[in-house]
Amino acid sequence: MVDISAFASALTSFKTAKDIAESMIGLRDAQAFQAKLLEFQSKLIDANNAVFAAHDERAALLERIRKLEEEMTRLKAWDAEKQRYQLTEIGPGVVAFVLKEGISQGEPPHQICANCCANGKKSYLQRHLSGPSLDRLKCNTCAEAIDINRPRPPGAAPPTLPLSSRTKRRI
């Protein structure tokens, strides 16, 4: 909300300066006139300072409005972009946003990170590791690594990961 005290202060200072100027007209004494002139100049300076304060406040409010408008535009654009994707289970217990069919706009099929999407960011899941029984996807933004087990043929041994990969989330 706009603080009108700066405007009120400027108006009060201008009114006081006007009153002083009117009282100066009737003065014949040079010393009294000089004292009133100093008082008049002081009130003009106060009014000028109040006007500058109001101007600074106005500039700050305009900047805040500009930033809020930019954020609103960004959110509207993200909402429109997000409509192109559908939350889909890409593995047992693993979800990601997958590009809907027919809305590719020339893009290859891809998936975006559900965590990043919830935070208003479009971040692609990239295949980081692929094997006969395991796919590992990694988010470019939040660095989330997602392991997706592929179905094993009957009688096949369970997959093993290198020791450094065992700390990753496995599904």
C-alpha atoms as a PDB file:
ATOM      1  CA  MET A   1       0.000   0.000   0.000  1.00  0.00           C
ATOM      2  CA  VAL A   2       1.267   3.470  -0.827  1.00  0.00           C
ATOM      3  CA  ASP A   3       2.409   5.426   2.216  1.00  0.00           C
ATOM      4  CA  ILE A   4       0.841   8.858   1.745  1.00  0.00           C
ATOM      5  CA  SER A   5       2.746  10.394   4.634  1.00  0.00           C
ATOM      6  CA  ALA A   6       5.429  11.650   2.229  1.00  0.00           C
ATOM      7  CA  PHE A   7       2.770  13.425   0.171  1.00  0.00           C
ATOM      8  CA  ALA A   8       1.101  14.835   3.278  1.00  0.00           C
ATOM      9  CA  SER A   9       4.458  16.065   4.554  1.00  0.00           C
ATOM     10  CA  ALA A  10       5.203  17.785   1.238  1.00  0.00           C
ATOM     11  CA  LEU A  11       1.796  19.473   1.208  1.00  0.00           C
ATOM     12  CA  THR A  12       2.196  20.636   4.820  1.00  0.00           C
ATOM     13  CA  SER A  13       5.656  22.037   4.065  1.00  0.00           C
ATOM     14  CA  PHE A  14       4.380  23.878   0.983  1.00  0.00           C
ATOM     15  CA  LYS A  15       1.433  25.325   2.944  1.00  0.00           C
ATOM     16  CA  THR A  16       3.759  26.480   5.731  1.00  0.00           C
ATOM     17  CA  ALA A  17       6.127  28.028   3.163  1.00  0.00           C
ATOM     18  CA  LYS A  18       3.170  29.851   1.576  1.00  0.00           C
ATOM     19  CA  ASP A  19       2.092  31.177   4.987  1.00  0.00           C
ATOM     20  CA  ILE A  20       5.652  32.362   5.704  1.00  0.00           C
ATOM     21  CA  ALA A  21       5.881  34.052   2.296  1.00  0.00           C
ATOM     22  CA  GLU A  22       2.611  35.868   2.924  1.00  0.00           C
ATOM     23  CA  SER A  23       3.838  37.064   6.321  1.00  0.00           C
ATOM     24  CA  MET A  24       7.108  38.248   4.717  1.00  0.00           C
ATOM     25  CA  ILE A  25       5.212  40.625   2.448  1.00  0.00           C
ATOM     26  CA  GLY A  26       4.196  42.830   5.379  1.00  0.00           C
ATOM     27  CA  LEU A  27       7.667  42.974   6.995  1.00  0.00           C
ATOM     28  CA  ARG A  28       9.681  46.186   6.729  1.00  0.00           C
ATOM     29  CA  ASP A  29      12.457  45.197   9.148  1.00  0.00           C
ATOM     30  CA  ALA A  30      15.409  43.676   7.229  1.00  0.00           C
ATOM     31  CA  GLN A  31      16.453  41.443  10.129  1.00  0.00           C
ATOM     32  CA  ALA A  32      12.935  40.053  10.609  1.00  0.00           C
ATOM     33  CA  PHE A  33      12.656  39.633   6.844  1.00  0.00           C
ATOM     34  CA  GLN A  34      15.964  37.690   6.758  1.00  0.00           C
ATOM     35  CA  ALA A  35      14.779  35.396   9.595  1.00  0.00           C
ATOM     36  CA  LYS A  36      11.513  34.707   7.761  1.00  0.00           C
ATOM     37  CA  LEU A  37      13.424  34.097   4.523  1.00  0.00           C
ATOM     38  CA  LEU A  38      15.564  31.438   6.246  1.00  0.00           C
ATOM     39  CA  GLU A  39      12.446  29.815   7.700  1.00  0.00           C
ATOM     40  CA  PHE A  40      10.841  29.925   4.252  1.00  0.00           C
ATOM     41  CA  GLN A  41      13.865  28.265   2.613  1.00  0.00           C
ATOM     42  CA  SER A  42      13.934  25.605   5.329  1.00  0.00           C
ATOM     43  CA  LYS A  43      10.296  24.715   4.651  1.00  0.00           C
ATOM     44  CA  LEU A  44      10.948  24.571   0.917  1.00  0.00           C
ATOM     45  CA  ILE A  45      13.835  22.165   1.543  1.00  0.00           C
ATOM     46  CA  ASP A  46      11.567  20.021   3.769  1.00  0.00           C
ATOM     47  CA  ALA A  47       8.925  19.967   1.032  1.00  0.00           C
ATOM     48  CA  ASN A  48      11.523  19.088  -1.589  1.00  0.00           C
ATOM     49  CA  ASN A  49      12.836  16.220   0.556  1.00  0.00           C
ATOM     50  CA  ALA A  50       9.307  14.890   1.039  1.00  0.00           C
ATOM     51  CA  VAL A  51       8.738  14.985  -2.728  1.00  0.00           C
ATOM     52  CA  PHE A  52      11.990  13.050  -3.302  1.00  0.00           C
ATOM     53  CA  ALA A  53      10.959  10.470  -0.683  1.00  0.00           C
ATOM     54  CA  ALA A  54       7.599  10.036  -2.402  1.00  0.00           C
ATOM     55  CA  HIS A  55       9.357   9.685  -5.754  1.00  0.00           C
ATOM     56  CA  ASP A  56      11.715   7.010  -4.371  1.00  0.00           C
ATOM     57  CA  GLU A  57       8.772   5.127  -2.896  1.00  0.00           C
ATOM     58  CA  ARG A  58       6.935   5.321  -6.204  1.00  0.00           C
ATOM     59  CA  ALA A  59       9.993   4.015  -8.078  1.00  0.00           C
ATOM     60  CA  ALA A  60      10.320   1.104  -5.626  1.00  0.00           C
ATOM     61  CA  LEU A  61       6.640   0.242  -6.072  1.00  0.00           C
ATOM     62  CA  LEU A  62       6.941   0.372  -9.864  1.00  0.00           C
ATOM     63  CA  GLU A  63       9.949  -1.971  -9.709  1.00  0.00           C
ATOM     64  CA  ARG A  64       8.001  -4.377  -7.484  1.00  0.00           C
ATOM     65  CA  ILE A  65       5.078  -4.306  -9.928  1.00  0.00           C
ATOM     66  CA  ARG A  66       7.459  -5.000 -12.835  1.00  0.00           C
ATOM     67  CA  LYS A  67       8.952  -8.017 -11.035  1.00  0.00           C
ATOM     68  CA  LEU A  68       5.521  -9.383 -10.114  1.00  0.00           C
ATOM     69  CA  GLU A  69       4.359  -9.005 -13.719  1.00  0.00           C
ATOM     70  CA  GLU A  70       7.455 -10.870 -14.929  1.00  0.00           C
ATOM     71  CA  GLU A  71       6.803 -13.664 -12.422  1.00  0.00           C
ATOM     72  CA  MET A  72       3.147 -13.860 -13.479  1.00  0.00           C
ATOM     73  CA  THR A  73       4.181 -14.098 -17.144  1.00  0.00           C
ATOM     74  CA  ARG A  74       6.721 -16.825 -16.310  1.00  0.00           C
ATOM     75  CA  LEU A  75       4.134 -18.813 -14.338  1.00  0.00           C
ATOM     76  CA  LYS A  76       1.558 -18.544 -17.131  1.00  0.00           C
ATOM     77  CA  ALA A  77       4.131 -19.722 -19.679  1.00  0.00           C
ATOM     78  CA  TRP A  78       5.154 -22.622 -17.421  1.00  0.00           C
ATOM     79  CA  ASP A  79       1.507 -23.599 -16.912  1.00  0.00           C
ATOM     80  CA  ALA A  80       0.981 -23.693 -20.684  1.00  0.00           C
ATOM     81  CA  GLU A  81       4.186 -25.731 -21.156  1.00  0.00           C
ATOM     82  CA  LYS A  82       3.219 -28.133 -18.368  1.00  0.00           C
ATOM     83  CA  GLN A  83      -0.072 -28.912 -20.158  1.00  0.00           C
ATOM     84  CA  ARG A  84       1.990 -30.672 -22.838  1.00  0.00           C
ATOM     85  CA  TYR A  85       3.018 -33.356 -20.321  1.00  0.00           C
ATOM     86  CA  GLN A  86       1.237 -36.095 -18.438  1.00  0.00           C
ATOM     87  CA  LEU A  87       2.338 -37.644 -15.146  1.00  0.00           C
ATOM     88  CA  THR A  88       3.077 -41.267 -16.024  1.00  0.00           C
ATOM     89  CA  GLU A  89       4.508 -44.263 -14.204  1.00  0.00           C
ATOM     90  CA  ILE A  90       7.738 -45.009 -16.081  1.00  0.00           C
ATOM     91  CA  GLY A  91       8.701 -47.936 -13.857  1.00  0.00           C
ATOM     92  CA  PRO A  92       7.330 -49.686 -10.796  1.00  0.00           C
ATOM     93  CA  GLY A  93       6.693 -46.877  -8.305  1.00  0.00           C
ATOM     94  CA  VAL A  94       8.516 -44.275 -10.432  1.00  0.00           C
ATOM     95  CA  VAL A  95       6.719 -41.344 -12.021  1.00  0.00           C
ATOM     96  CA  ALA A  96       7.834 -38.665 -14.436  1.00  0.00           C
ATOM     97  CA  PHE A  97       6.122 -36.225 -16.729  1.00  0.00           C
ATOM     98  CA  VAL A  98       6.023 -37.651 -20.246  1.00  0.00           C
ATOM     99  CA  LEU A  99       5.391 -35.627 -23.391  1.00  0.00           C
ATOM    100  CA  LYS A 100       1.829 -36.278 -24.589  1.00  0.00           C
ATOM    101  CA  GLU A 101       1.411 -37.835 -28.006  1.00  0.00           C
ATOM    102  CA  GLY A 102       0.578 -35.403 -30.779  1.00  0.00           C
ATOM    103  CA  ILE A 103       1.907 -32.357 -28.913  1.00  0.00           C
ATOM    104  CA  SER A 104       5.594 -32.856 -29.611  1.00  0.00           C
ATOM    105  CA  GLN A 105       6.084 -29.671 -31.670  1.00  0.00           C
ATOM    106  CA  GLY A 106       9.030 -31.384 -33.355  1.00  0.00           C
ATOM    107  CA  GLU A 107      10.634 -32.570 -30.095  1.00  0.00           C
ATOM    108  CA  PRO A 108      11.650 -36.217 -29.688  1.00  0.00           C
ATOM    109  CA  PRO A 109       9.817 -38.234 -27.038  1.00  0.00           C
ATOM    110  CA  HIS A 110      11.221 -37.406 -23.601  1.00  0.00           C
ATOM    111  CA  GLN A 111      10.488 -37.279 -19.884  1.00  0.00           C
ATOM    112  CA  ILE A 112      10.928 -34.502 -17.358  1.00  0.00           C
ATOM    113  CA  CYS A 113      11.684 -34.840 -13.660  1.00  0.00           C
ATOM    114  CA  ALA A 114       8.567 -34.884 -11.459  1.00  0.00           C
ATOM    115  CA  ASN A 115      10.423 -33.111  -8.601  1.00  0.00           C
ATOM    116  CA  CYS A 116      11.656 -30.286 -10.813  1.00  0.00           C
ATOM    117  CA  CYS A 117       8.284 -29.996 -12.545  1.00  0.00           C
ATOM    118  CA  ALA A 118       6.626 -29.525  -9.140  1.00  0.00           C
ATOM    119  CA  ASN A 119       9.085 -26.656  -8.555  1.00  0.00           C
ATOM    120  CA  GLY A 120       8.196 -24.977 -11.859  1.00  0.00           C
ATOM    121  CA  LYS A 121      11.257 -26.150 -13.807  1.00  0.00           C
ATOM    122  CA  LYS A 122      11.527 -28.198 -16.956  1.00  0.00           C
ATOM    123  CA  SER A 123      14.409 -30.609 -16.500  1.00  0.00           C
ATOM    124  CA  TYR A 124      14.967 -33.579 -18.766  1.00  0.00           C
ATOM    125  CA  LEU A 125      15.639 -37.066 -17.472  1.00  0.00           C
ATOM    126  CA  GLN A 126      18.651 -38.413 -19.333  1.00  0.00           C
ATOM    127  CA  ARG A 127      19.614 -42.069 -19.674  1.00  0.00           C
ATOM    128  CA  HIS A 128      22.739 -42.280 -17.562  1.00  0.00           C
ATOM    129  CA  LEU A 129      23.296 -46.036 -17.553  1.00  0.00           C
ATOM    130  CA  SER A 130      21.621 -48.814 -19.442  1.00  0.00           C
ATOM    131  CA  GLY A 131      21.998 -52.539 -19.154  1.00  0.00           C
ATOM    132  CA  PRO A 132      20.054 -55.713 -19.899  1.00  0.00           C
ATOM    133  CA  SER A 133      18.003 -55.471 -16.683  1.00  0.00           C
ATOM    134  CA  LEU A 134      18.406 -51.880 -15.525  1.00  0.00           C
ATOM    135  CA  ASP A 135      17.981 -48.349 -16.804  1.00  0.00           C
ATOM    136  CA  ARG A 136      19.295 -45.407 -14.804  1.00  0.00           C
ATOM    137  CA  LEU A 137      17.852 -41.994 -15.518  1.00  0.00           C
ATOM    138  CA  LYS A 138      19.354 -38.832 -14.128  1.00  0.00           C
ATOM    139  CA  CYS A 139      17.858 -35.360 -13.809  1.00  0.00           C
ATOM    140  CA  ASN A 140      20.027 -32.569 -15.193  1.00  0.00           C
ATOM    141  CA  THR A 141      18.850 -30.060 -12.564  1.00  0.00           C
ATOM    142  CA  CYS A 142      18.351 -31.783  -9.209  1.00  0.00           C
ATOM    143  CA  ALA A 143      20.759 -34.669  -9.988  1.00  0.00           C
ATOM    144  CA  GLU A 144      18.173 -37.251  -8.874  1.00  0.00           C
ATOM    145  CA  ALA A 145      19.207 -40.696 -10.113  1.00  0.00           C
ATOM    146  CA  ILE A 146      16.381 -43.136 -10.792  1.00  0.00           C
ATOM    147  CA  ASP A 147      17.024 -46.815 -11.331  1.00  0.00           C
ATOM    148  CA  ILE A 148      14.321 -48.715 -13.193  1.00  0.00           C
ATOM    149  CA  ASN A 149      14.515 -52.491 -13.199  1.00  0.00           C
ATOM    150  CA  ARG A 150      13.526 -54.176 -16.409  1.00  0.00           C
ATOM    151  CA  PRO A 151      11.672 -57.466 -16.176  1.00  0.00           C
ATOM    152  CA  ARG A 152      14.093 -60.424 -15.955  1.00  0.00           C
ATOM    153  CA  PRO A 153      13.658 -63.514 -18.018  1.00  0.00           C
ATOM    154  CA  PRO A 154      12.654 -66.514 -15.901  1.00  0.00           C
ATOM    155  CA  GLY A 155      15.691 -68.086 -14.176  1.00  0.00           C
ATOM    156  CA  ALA A 156      17.992 -65.092 -14.740  1.00  0.00           C
ATOM    157  CA  ALA A 157      20.172 -63.864 -11.850  1.00  0.00           C
ATOM    158  CA  PRO A 158      19.180 -60.547 -10.192  1.00  0.00           C
ATOM    159  CA  PRO A 159      21.082 -57.483 -11.395  1.00  0.00           C
ATOM    160  CA  THR A 160      23.974 -56.124  -9.353  1.00  0.00           C
ATOM    161  CA  LEU A 161      25.174 -52.574  -9.321  1.00  0.00           C
ATOM    162  CA  PRO A 162      28.702 -51.313  -8.756  1.00  0.00           C
ATOM    163  CA  LEU A 163      29.366 -50.521  -5.081  1.00  0.00           C
ATOM    164  CA  SER A 164      29.281 -46.732  -5.671  1.00  0.00           C
ATOM    165  CA  SER A 165      25.812 -47.022  -7.196  1.00  0.00           C
ATOM    166  CA  ARG A 166      24.231 -48.887  -4.296  1.00  0.00           C
ATOM    167  CA  THR A 167      23.587 -45.629  -2.481  1.00  0.00           C
ATOM    168  CA  LYS A 168      21.263 -44.480  -5.260  1.00  0.00           C
ATOM    169  CA  ARG A 169      17.513 -44.893  -5.022  1.00  0.00           C
ATOM    170  CA  ARG A 170      16.448 -48.279  -6.415  1.00  0.00           C
ATOM    171  CA  ILE A 171      13.026 -49.237  -7.520  1.00  0.00           C
END
